Amino acid sequence: ATFSATAKRLGIRNVPGRVQIANMKWTAKMVFEPIRNHFGVPLRVNSFYRSPKLNKAIGGSKSSDHLRGRAIDIDEYDFTIVSNKDVFLWALENLKYDNLIAEHPKDGNPSWVHISYRGENFNRNKAMVAHYKKGKTVYLPFKGLYQFD
């Protein structure tokens, strides 16, 4: 949940504090574990907690929920039958979340799925699709699978 190849390469310390750890445990309980339990397969966590220095190094948003341990980027393993599209669609219909993002889809499948959880009364249940446009990421409301092509 704290490993980062970028942090390792740049010598950035990526260690959460007590508050971030508590948030990570709650986020894992509310979104990651239900996804993993439903599909019954290993899921790759690309990013969970990010220190401010790491977040800046990768060009993350200054208000990213990763900074607080409240967001997970999930990617399927190539050897399972579960796709990122499957994860996104199941979470969309079955979980409470703040942001659910199908990140940079190609050929009908998101490159990864971002899901954040802020708390029962704080989640906005915003489902989006992220695309590159002129070198920047643009977030559009999810309206249908046609957005994955």
Protein backbone atom coordinates (compact mmCIF):
# COMPACT_ATOMS: atom_id res chain seq x y z
CA ALA A 1 0.00 0.00 0.00
CA THR A 2 3.01 2.32 0.30
CA PHE A 3 5.39 0.90 -2.29
CA SER A 4 6.21 3.18 -5.19
CA ALA A 5 8.81 2.54 -7.88
CA THR A 6 9.02 6.32 -8.36
CA ALA A 7 9.63 6.89 -4.65
CA LYS A 8 12.30 4.19 -4.63
CA ARG A 9 14.00 5.57 -7.74
CA LEU A 10 13.98 9.16 -6.41
CA GLY A 11 14.77 8.26 -2.79
CA ILE A 12 11.45 9.64 -1.52
CA ARG A 13 10.22 8.43 1.86
CA ASN A 14 6.60 7.31 1.46
CA VAL A 15 5.50 6.53 5.00
CA PRO A 16 1.98 7.35 6.23
CA GLY A 17 1.25 8.73 9.68
CA ARG A 18 -1.35 7.44 12.14
CA VAL A 19 -4.24 9.32 10.54
CA GLN A 20 -3.35 8.13 7.05
CA ILE A 21 -2.99 4.54 8.27
CA ALA A 22 -6.44 4.70 9.90
CA ASN A 23 -7.88 6.08 6.64
CA MET A 24 -6.14 3.35 4.64
CA LYS A 25 -7.59 0.62 6.84
CA TRP A 26 -11.09 2.07 6.48
CA THR A 27 -10.75 2.57 2.72
CA ALA A 28 -9.49 -0.99 2.29
CA LYS A 29 -12.41 -2.30 4.35
CA MET A 30 -15.06 -0.29 2.52
CA VAL A 31 -13.91 -0.58 -1.11
CA PHE A 32 -10.89 -2.81 -1.72
CA GLU A 33 -11.92 -5.85 0.30
CA PRO A 34 -15.45 -5.99 -1.11
CA ILE A 35 -14.03 -5.90 -4.66
CA ARG A 36 -11.45 -8.57 -3.90
CA ASN A 37 -13.96 -10.77 -2.08
CA HIS A 38 -16.51 -10.47 -4.89
CA PHE A 39 -14.10 -11.49 -7.65
CA GLY A 40 -12.02 -13.89 -5.55
CA VAL A 41 -8.81 -13.09 -7.40
CA PRO A 42 -5.66 -11.10 -6.59
CA LEU A 43 -5.83 -7.43 -7.50
CA ARG A 44 -2.81 -5.19 -8.02
CA VAL A 45 -2.67 -1.95 -6.04
CA ASN A 46 -0.78 0.56 -8.17
CA SER A 47 -1.09 3.40 -5.71
CA PHE A 48 -2.64 3.85 -2.30
CA TYR A 49 -0.89 6.24 0.08
CA ARG A 50 1.30 8.97 -1.42
CA SER A 51 3.43 11.34 0.60
CA PRO A 52 3.23 15.00 -0.46
CA LYS A 53 6.72 14.78 -1.98
CA LEU A 54 5.84 11.64 -3.97
CA ASN A 55 2.51 13.10 -5.07
CA LYS A 56 4.32 16.19 -6.38
CA ALA A 57 6.95 14.07 -8.14
CA ILE A 58 4.32 12.17 -10.12
CA GLY A 59 2.26 15.27 -10.89
CA GLY A 60 -0.68 14.28 -8.67
CA SER A 61 -3.42 16.68 -7.73
CA LYS A 62 -2.70 18.85 -4.68
CA SER A 63 -6.05 17.73 -3.27
CA SER A 64 -5.57 14.01 -4.06
CA ASP A 65 -7.22 11.59 -1.67
CA HIS A 66 -4.07 9.46 -2.01
CA LEU A 67 -2.37 12.02 0.28
CA ARG A 68 -4.82 11.11 3.03
CA GLY A 69 -4.86 7.35 2.41
CA ARG A 70 -8.40 7.53 1.08
CA ALA A 71 -7.87 6.42 -2.52
CA ILE A 72 -6.69 3.25 -4.22
CA ASP A 73 -5.66 2.70 -7.83
CA ILE A 74 -6.46 -0.90 -8.75
CA ASP A 75 -5.22 -2.84 -11.76
CA GLU A 76 -6.11 -6.39 -12.67
CA TYR A 77 -3.44 -9.02 -12.99
CA ASP A 78 -2.93 -10.32 -16.51
CA PHE A 79 -3.39 -13.93 -15.42
CA THR A 80 -6.92 -13.51 -14.00
CA ILE A 81 -10.18 -13.36 -15.92
CA VAL A 82 -11.19 -10.11 -14.20
CA SER A 83 -10.72 -6.91 -16.19
CA ASN A 84 -10.49 -3.34 -14.99
CA LYS A 85 -13.83 -2.81 -16.75
CA ASP A 86 -15.31 -5.58 -14.57
CA VAL A 87 -13.95 -3.93 -11.42
CA PHE A 88 -15.26 -0.50 -12.44
CA LEU A 89 -18.75 -1.75 -13.34
CA TRP A 90 -19.09 -3.86 -10.19
CA ALA A 91 -17.96 -0.98 -7.95
CA LEU A 92 -20.31 1.40 -9.77
CA GLU A 93 -23.32 -0.78 -8.96
CA ASN A 94 -22.36 -2.18 -5.55
CA LEU A 95 -20.22 0.22 -3.55
CA LYS A 96 -20.42 3.62 -1.93
CA TYR A 97 -17.49 5.77 -2.99
CA ASP A 98 -16.42 9.35 -3.38
CA ASN A 99 -14.77 9.13 -6.82
CA LEU A 100 -14.75 6.13 -9.11
CA ILE A 101 -12.63 6.74 -12.19
CA ALA A 102 -12.04 4.58 -15.24
CA GLU A 103 -8.54 5.84 -16.01
CA HIS A 104 -7.46 6.26 -19.63
CA PRO A 105 -9.42 3.43 -21.29
CA LYS A 106 -8.01 1.66 -24.34
CA ASP A 107 -9.74 -0.97 -26.44
CA GLY A 108 -12.75 -1.10 -24.11
CA ASN A 109 -10.84 -1.46 -20.84
CA PRO A 110 -9.61 1.17 -18.36
CA SER A 111 -5.84 1.19 -17.83
CA TRP A 112 -6.60 1.13 -14.10
CA VAL A 113 -9.47 2.01 -11.73
CA HIS A 114 -9.24 4.76 -9.14
CA ILE A 115 -11.65 4.53 -6.22
CA SER A 116 -11.77 6.82 -3.20
CA TYR A 117 -13.77 6.65 0.00
CA ARG A 118 -14.22 9.63 2.31
CA GLY A 119 -16.89 8.35 4.67
CA GLU A 120 -20.59 7.56 4.81
CA ASN A 121 -21.81 11.16 4.84
CA PHE A 122 -18.98 12.58 2.75
CA ASN A 123 -18.99 10.41 -0.39
CA ARG A 124 -20.22 12.10 -3.57
CA ASN A 125 -20.59 8.90 -5.64
CA LYS A 126 -19.02 10.55 -8.69
CA ALA A 127 -18.27 8.10 -11.51
CA MET A 128 -15.96 9.45 -14.20
CA VAL A 129 -13.81 8.51 -17.15
CA ALA A 130 -10.34 10.05 -17.54
CA HIS A 131 -8.90 10.70 -21.00
CA TYR A 132 -5.80 12.47 -22.24
CA LYS A 133 -6.58 15.60 -24.25
CA LYS A 134 -3.71 17.71 -25.56
CA GLY A 135 -1.35 16.16 -23.01
CA LYS A 136 -3.60 16.79 -19.99
CA THR A 137 -6.02 14.52 -18.19
CA VAL A 138 -9.68 15.44 -18.62
CA TYR A 139 -12.38 13.92 -16.40
CA LEU A 140 -15.85 13.38 -17.85
CA PRO A 141 -18.92 12.01 -16.06
CA PHE A 142 -19.44 8.31 -16.78
CA LYS A 143 -22.40 7.95 -19.12
CA GLY A 144 -21.80 4.56 -20.68
CA LEU A 145 -19.37 1.95 -21.90
CA TYR A 146 -18.96 3.74 -25.24
CA GLN A 147 -16.58 6.06 -23.33
CA PHE A 148 -14.12 3.15 -22.97
CA ASP A 149 -13.41 2.99 -26.70
